[in-house]
Amino acid sequence: MPQNAPLKRLLYWLIAGTRGGESRGRIIESLKEMPKNANMLSDRLGMEYKNVRHHLDVLLKNGLLTTVGEGYGVTYFLSAELESNYGVFEEIWEKIGKMSKKRGGRKKY
């Protein structure tokens, strides 16, 4: 079994297998570009702040993000494991996009 199989299963579940997966995928893409705090993500992605915080908490709890700082200004980064296996995320994200297009299309952000 490939070394990143557990990560692939986790990402597939969090991105494709659960409600809110598209929002989590958008957050991961945005954090790949540059680390951000929750307010920056909310503005950048056009999402409600409380929803961004919820998805950040889910990703953090599952070891896909790390943080620097405290309180309101805490900055979120991709975890070292996700960063080094980002291709696994891209593969899943691409599949979801193709599946979604068949059902009416996922927007490109």
N, C-alpha and C. Protein backbone atom coordinates (compact mmCIF):
# COMPACT_ATOMS: atom_id res chain seq x y z
N MET A 1 0.85 -1.18 0.00
CA MET A 1 0.00 0.00 0.00
C MET A 1 0.90 1.24 0.00
N PRO A 2 0.60 2.25 -0.82
CA PRO A 2 1.44 3.45 -0.87
C PRO A 2 1.53 4.13 0.49
N GLN A 3 2.66 4.78 0.71
CA GLN A 3 2.91 5.42 1.99
C GLN A 3 1.86 6.49 2.32
N ASN A 4 1.33 7.18 1.32
CA ASN A 4 0.37 8.25 1.58
C ASN A 4 -1.08 7.78 1.50
N ALA A 5 -1.32 6.48 1.53
CA ALA A 5 -2.69 5.95 1.45
C ALA A 5 -3.58 6.45 2.59
N PRO A 6 -3.10 6.49 3.84
CA PRO A 6 -3.96 7.03 4.91
C PRO A 6 -4.33 8.50 4.66
N LEU A 7 -3.38 9.28 4.18
CA LEU A 7 -3.66 10.68 3.86
C LEU A 7 -4.68 10.78 2.73
N LYS A 8 -4.53 9.94 1.74
CA LYS A 8 -5.47 9.95 0.61
C LYS A 8 -6.88 9.63 1.08
N ARG A 9 -7.02 8.63 1.94
CA ARG A 9 -8.34 8.28 2.47
C ARG A 9 -8.92 9.43 3.28
N LEU A 10 -8.09 10.04 4.12
CA LEU A 10 -8.54 11.16 4.94
C LEU A 10 -8.99 12.32 4.07
N LEU A 11 -8.18 12.69 3.09
CA LEU A 11 -8.54 13.79 2.20
C LEU A 11 -9.80 13.48 1.40
N TYR A 12 -9.89 12.26 0.92
CA TYR A 12 -11.08 11.90 0.15
C TYR A 12 -12.33 12.04 1.01
N TRP A 13 -12.25 11.59 2.25
CA TRP A 13 -13.38 11.69 3.16
C TRP A 13 -13.72 13.15 3.46
N LEU A 14 -12.70 13.97 3.76
CA LEU A 14 -12.94 15.37 4.14
C LEU A 14 -13.34 16.25 2.97
N ILE A 15 -12.88 15.92 1.77
CA ILE A 15 -13.14 16.77 0.60
C ILE A 15 -14.30 16.24 -0.24
N ALA A 16 -14.33 14.95 -0.48
CA ALA A 16 -15.36 14.40 -1.38
C ALA A 16 -16.49 13.70 -0.64
N GLY A 17 -16.22 13.23 0.56
CA GLY A 17 -17.19 12.37 1.22
C GLY A 17 -18.06 13.02 2.27
N THR A 18 -17.85 14.29 2.56
CA THR A 18 -18.63 14.93 3.61
C THR A 18 -19.16 16.28 3.14
N ARG A 19 -20.23 16.69 3.78
CA ARG A 19 -20.79 18.00 3.51
C ARG A 19 -19.74 19.06 3.87
N GLY A 20 -19.60 20.06 3.05
CA GLY A 20 -18.61 21.10 3.31
C GLY A 20 -17.26 20.82 2.68
N GLY A 21 -17.14 19.70 1.99
CA GLY A 21 -15.87 19.33 1.39
C GLY A 21 -15.36 20.34 0.37
N GLU A 22 -16.26 20.90 -0.42
CA GLU A 22 -15.84 21.89 -1.41
C GLU A 22 -15.25 23.12 -0.72
N SER A 23 -15.86 23.55 0.37
CA SER A 23 -15.33 24.70 1.12
C SER A 23 -13.95 24.38 1.68
N ARG A 24 -13.78 23.18 2.21
CA ARG A 24 -12.47 22.79 2.74
C ARG A 24 -11.43 22.74 1.62
N GLY A 25 -11.82 22.25 0.46
CA GLY A 25 -10.90 22.23 -0.68
C GLY A 25 -10.48 23.63 -1.09
N ARG A 26 -11.41 24.55 -1.11
CA ARG A 26 -11.09 25.94 -1.46
C ARG A 26 -10.14 26.56 -0.43
N ILE A 27 -10.35 26.23 0.84
CA ILE A 27 -9.47 26.74 1.89
C ILE A 27 -8.06 26.18 1.71
N ILE A 28 -7.95 24.89 1.44
CA ILE A 28 -6.63 24.28 1.22
C ILE A 28 -5.93 24.94 0.05
N GLU A 29 -6.64 25.13 -1.06
CA GLU A 29 -6.04 25.81 -2.23
C GLU A 29 -5.53 27.20 -1.87
N SER A 30 -6.33 27.94 -1.13
CA SER A 30 -5.94 29.30 -0.77
C SER A 30 -4.73 29.33 0.16
N LEU A 31 -4.69 28.39 1.10
CA LEU A 31 -3.54 28.34 2.02
C LEU A 31 -2.28 27.86 1.33
N LYS A 32 -2.43 27.09 0.26
CA LYS A 32 -1.25 26.67 -0.51
C LYS A 32 -0.58 27.89 -1.14
N GLU A 33 -1.41 28.83 -1.62
CA GLU A 33 -0.87 30.06 -2.22
C GLU A 33 -0.10 30.89 -1.20
N MET A 34 -0.71 31.02 0.00
CA MET A 34 -0.11 31.85 1.04
C MET A 34 -0.83 31.58 2.36
N PRO A 35 -0.10 31.45 3.47
CA PRO A 35 -0.76 31.30 4.77
C PRO A 35 -1.65 32.52 5.05
N LYS A 36 -2.76 32.28 5.75
CA LYS A 36 -3.72 33.35 6.02
C LYS A 36 -4.38 33.11 7.37
N ASN A 37 -4.99 34.18 7.91
CA ASN A 37 -5.83 34.01 9.08
C ASN A 37 -7.27 33.80 8.62
N ALA A 38 -8.16 33.52 9.55
CA ALA A 38 -9.55 33.20 9.19
C ALA A 38 -10.24 34.37 8.50
N ASN A 39 -9.98 35.58 8.95
CA ASN A 39 -10.60 36.75 8.34
C ASN A 39 -10.16 36.94 6.90
N MET A 40 -8.88 36.76 6.64
CA MET A 40 -8.36 36.86 5.27
C MET A 40 -9.00 35.80 4.38
N LEU A 41 -9.14 34.58 4.89
CA LEU A 41 -9.78 33.52 4.11
C LEU A 41 -11.24 33.85 3.82
N SER A 42 -11.92 34.37 4.83
CA SER A 42 -13.32 34.75 4.66
C SER A 42 -13.47 35.78 3.54
N ASP A 43 -12.64 36.80 3.57
CA ASP A 43 -12.67 37.84 2.53
C ASP A 43 -12.30 37.27 1.16
N ARG A 44 -11.24 36.51 1.12
CA ARG A 44 -10.71 35.98 -0.15
C ARG A 44 -11.68 35.02 -0.83
N LEU A 45 -12.35 34.19 -0.02
CA LEU A 45 -13.21 33.15 -0.56
C LEU A 45 -14.69 33.53 -0.59
N GLY A 46 -15.02 34.69 -0.01
CA GLY A 46 -16.42 35.10 0.02
C GLY A 46 -17.29 34.19 0.87
N MET A 47 -16.71 33.70 1.96
CA MET A 47 -17.43 32.79 2.87
C MET A 47 -17.65 33.50 4.20
N GLU A 48 -18.70 33.10 4.90
CA GLU A 48 -18.95 33.62 6.23
C GLU A 48 -17.80 33.24 7.16
N TYR A 49 -17.40 34.19 8.01
CA TYR A 49 -16.28 33.97 8.93
C TYR A 49 -16.49 32.72 9.79
N LYS A 50 -17.70 32.55 10.35
CA LYS A 50 -17.95 31.40 11.24
C LYS A 50 -17.83 30.08 10.48
N ASN A 51 -18.21 30.07 9.20
CA ASN A 51 -18.06 28.85 8.40
C ASN A 51 -16.59 28.55 8.12
N VAL A 52 -15.83 29.60 7.83
CA VAL A 52 -14.39 29.42 7.62
C VAL A 52 -13.76 28.84 8.88
N ARG A 53 -14.11 29.40 10.04
CA ARG A 53 -13.55 28.91 11.31
C ARG A 53 -13.91 27.44 11.53
N HIS A 54 -15.14 27.06 11.22
CA HIS A 54 -15.55 25.67 11.37
C HIS A 54 -14.68 24.75 10.51
N HIS A 55 -14.52 25.10 9.24
CA HIS A 55 -13.74 24.26 8.33
C HIS A 55 -12.26 24.24 8.72
N LEU A 56 -11.74 25.36 9.18
CA LEU A 56 -10.35 25.39 9.67
C LEU A 56 -10.20 24.45 10.86
N ASP A 57 -11.17 24.46 11.77
CA ASP A 57 -11.12 23.57 12.93
C ASP A 57 -11.12 22.10 12.51
N VAL A 58 -11.95 21.76 11.52
CA VAL A 58 -12.00 20.38 11.02
C VAL A 58 -10.65 19.98 10.43
N LEU A 59 -10.09 20.85 9.60
CA LEU A 59 -8.80 20.56 8.96
C LEU A 59 -7.68 20.48 9.99
N LEU A 60 -7.71 21.36 10.98
CA LEU A 60 -6.71 21.37 12.04
C LEU A 60 -6.81 20.09 12.89
N LYS A 61 -8.02 19.74 13.27
CA LYS A 61 -8.26 18.54 14.08
C LYS A 61 -7.76 17.28 13.38
N ASN A 62 -7.81 17.27 12.06
CA ASN A 62 -7.38 16.11 11.29
C ASN A 62 -5.93 16.18 10.84
N GLY A 63 -5.18 17.15 11.37
CA GLY A 63 -3.75 17.22 11.13
C GLY A 63 -3.33 17.75 9.77
N LEU A 64 -4.25 18.42 9.06
CA LEU A 64 -3.93 18.92 7.73
C LEU A 64 -3.42 20.36 7.74
N LEU A 65 -3.58 21.03 8.88
CA LEU A 65 -3.11 22.41 9.02
C LEU A 65 -2.29 22.54 10.29
N THR A 66 -1.48 23.58 10.33
CA THR A 66 -0.78 24.00 11.53
C THR A 66 -1.04 25.49 11.70
N THR A 67 -0.72 26.01 12.87
CA THR A 67 -0.97 27.43 13.14
C THR A 67 0.26 28.09 13.74
N VAL A 68 0.27 29.41 13.59
CA VAL A 68 1.26 30.26 14.25
C VAL A 68 0.49 31.43 14.82
N GLY A 69 0.80 31.81 16.05
CA GLY A 69 0.13 32.93 16.68
C GLY A 69 -1.04 32.46 17.53
N GLU A 70 -1.74 33.46 18.07
CA GLU A 70 -2.85 33.17 18.97
C GLU A 70 -4.03 34.08 18.69
N GLY A 71 -5.18 33.68 19.19
CA GLY A 71 -6.37 34.51 19.13
C GLY A 71 -6.81 34.84 17.72
N TYR A 72 -7.31 36.05 17.56
CA TYR A 72 -7.90 36.49 16.30
C TYR A 72 -6.91 36.43 15.14
N GLY A 73 -5.66 36.72 15.41
CA GLY A 73 -4.67 36.80 14.34
C GLY A 73 -3.96 35.50 14.01
N VAL A 74 -4.42 34.37 14.58
CA VAL A 74 -3.74 33.10 14.31
C VAL A 74 -3.69 32.86 12.80
N THR A 75 -2.51 32.48 12.33
CA THR A 75 -2.29 32.25 10.91
C THR A 75 -2.24 30.75 10.65
N TYR A 76 -2.91 30.33 9.60
CA TYR A 76 -3.01 28.91 9.23
C TYR A 76 -2.09 28.59 8.07
N PHE A 77 -1.43 27.44 8.17
CA PHE A 77 -0.51 26.92 7.16
C PHE A 77 -0.92 25.48 6.86
N LEU A 78 -0.58 25.00 5.68
CA LEU A 78 -0.73 23.57 5.42
C LEU A 78 0.26 22.82 6.30
N SER A 79 -0.12 21.66 6.78
CA SER A 79 0.80 20.84 7.57
C SER A 79 1.94 20.36 6.67
N ALA A 80 3.03 19.97 7.29
CA ALA A 80 4.17 19.46 6.51
C ALA A 80 3.76 18.24 5.69
N GLU A 81 2.91 17.38 6.27
CA GLU A 81 2.48 16.18 5.54
C GLU A 81 1.64 16.55 4.31
N LEU A 82 0.71 17.47 4.48
CA LEU A 82 -0.11 17.87 3.33
C LEU A 82 0.73 18.61 2.30
N GLU A 83 1.62 19.45 2.77
CA GLU A 83 2.50 20.20 1.86
C GLU A 83 3.33 19.24 1.00
N SER A 84 3.90 18.22 1.64
CA SER A 84 4.77 17.30 0.89
C SER A 84 3.99 16.30 0.05
N ASN A 85 2.70 16.18 0.29
CA ASN A 85 1.85 15.27 -0.49
C ASN A 85 0.71 16.03 -1.17
N TYR A 86 0.97 17.27 -1.55
CA TYR A 86 -0.08 18.12 -2.12
C TYR A 86 -0.67 17.51 -3.39
N GLY A 87 0.10 16.74 -4.11
CA GLY A 87 -0.40 16.09 -5.31
C GLY A 87 -1.58 15.16 -5.03
N VAL A 88 -1.62 14.58 -3.85
CA VAL A 88 -2.74 13.71 -3.46
C VAL A 88 -4.01 14.55 -3.40
N PHE A 89 -3.91 15.72 -2.77
CA PHE A 89 -5.06 16.63 -2.72
C PHE A 89 -5.48 17.04 -4.12
N GLU A 90 -4.52 17.42 -4.95
CA GLU A 90 -4.84 17.86 -6.32
C GLU A 90 -5.56 16.77 -7.11
N GLU A 91 -5.12 15.55 -6.94
CA GLU A 91 -5.75 14.41 -7.63
C GLU A 91 -7.22 14.29 -7.23
N ILE A 92 -7.48 14.36 -5.94
CA ILE A 92 -8.86 14.25 -5.43
C ILE A 92 -9.68 15.46 -5.87
N TRP A 93 -9.11 16.64 -5.77
CA TRP A 93 -9.79 17.89 -6.13
C TRP A 93 -10.16 17.87 -7.61
N GLU A 94 -9.27 17.36 -8.44
CA GLU A 94 -9.54 17.25 -9.88
C GLU A 94 -10.70 16.28 -10.14
N LYS A 95 -10.70 15.14 -9.46
CA LYS A 95 -11.78 14.17 -9.63
C LYS A 95 -13.12 14.76 -9.22
N ILE A 96 -13.12 15.48 -8.12
CA ILE A 96 -14.36 16.10 -7.65
C ILE A 96 -14.86 17.11 -8.67
N GLY A 97 -13.98 17.88 -9.24
CA GLY A 97 -14.36 18.85 -10.26
C GLY A 97 -15.00 18.19 -11.45
N LYS A 98 -14.45 17.08 -11.89
CA LYS A 98 -15.02 16.35 -13.03
C LYS A 98 -16.38 15.76 -12.69
N MET A 99 -16.50 15.21 -11.48
CA MET A 99 -17.78 14.65 -11.07
C MET A 99 -18.82 15.75 -10.94
N SER A 100 -18.43 16.87 -10.38
CA SER A 100 -19.34 17.98 -10.17
C SER A 100 -19.81 18.57 -11.49
N LYS A 101 -18.93 18.65 -12.47
CA LYS A 101 -19.31 19.20 -13.78
C LYS A 101 -20.42 18.37 -14.41
N LYS A 102 -20.39 17.07 -14.18
CA LYS A 102 -21.44 16.20 -14.71
C LYS A 102 -22.79 16.54 -14.07
N ARG A 103 -22.74 17.03 -12.82
CA ARG A 103 -23.97 17.36 -12.11
C ARG A 103 -24.32 18.84 -12.20
N GLY A 104 -23.56 19.62 -12.93
CA GLY A 104 -23.88 21.04 -13.04
C GLY A 104 -22.72 21.95 -12.76
N GLY A 105 -21.61 21.39 -12.35
CA GLY A 105 -20.39 22.17 -12.30
C GLY A 105 -20.01 22.80 -10.99
N ARG A 106 -18.78 22.53 -10.59
CA ARG A 106 -18.15 23.22 -9.47
C ARG A 106 -17.47 24.43 -10.06
N LYS A 107 -17.64 25.56 -9.41
CA LYS A 107 -17.00 26.78 -9.89
C LYS A 107 -15.50 26.70 -9.66
N LYS A 108 -14.74 27.29 -10.55
CA LYS A 108 -13.29 27.41 -10.36
C LYS A 108 -13.03 28.68 -9.59
N TYR A 109 -12.24 28.58 -8.54
CA TYR A 109 -11.93 29.75 -7.70
C TYR A 109 -10.48 30.12 -7.83
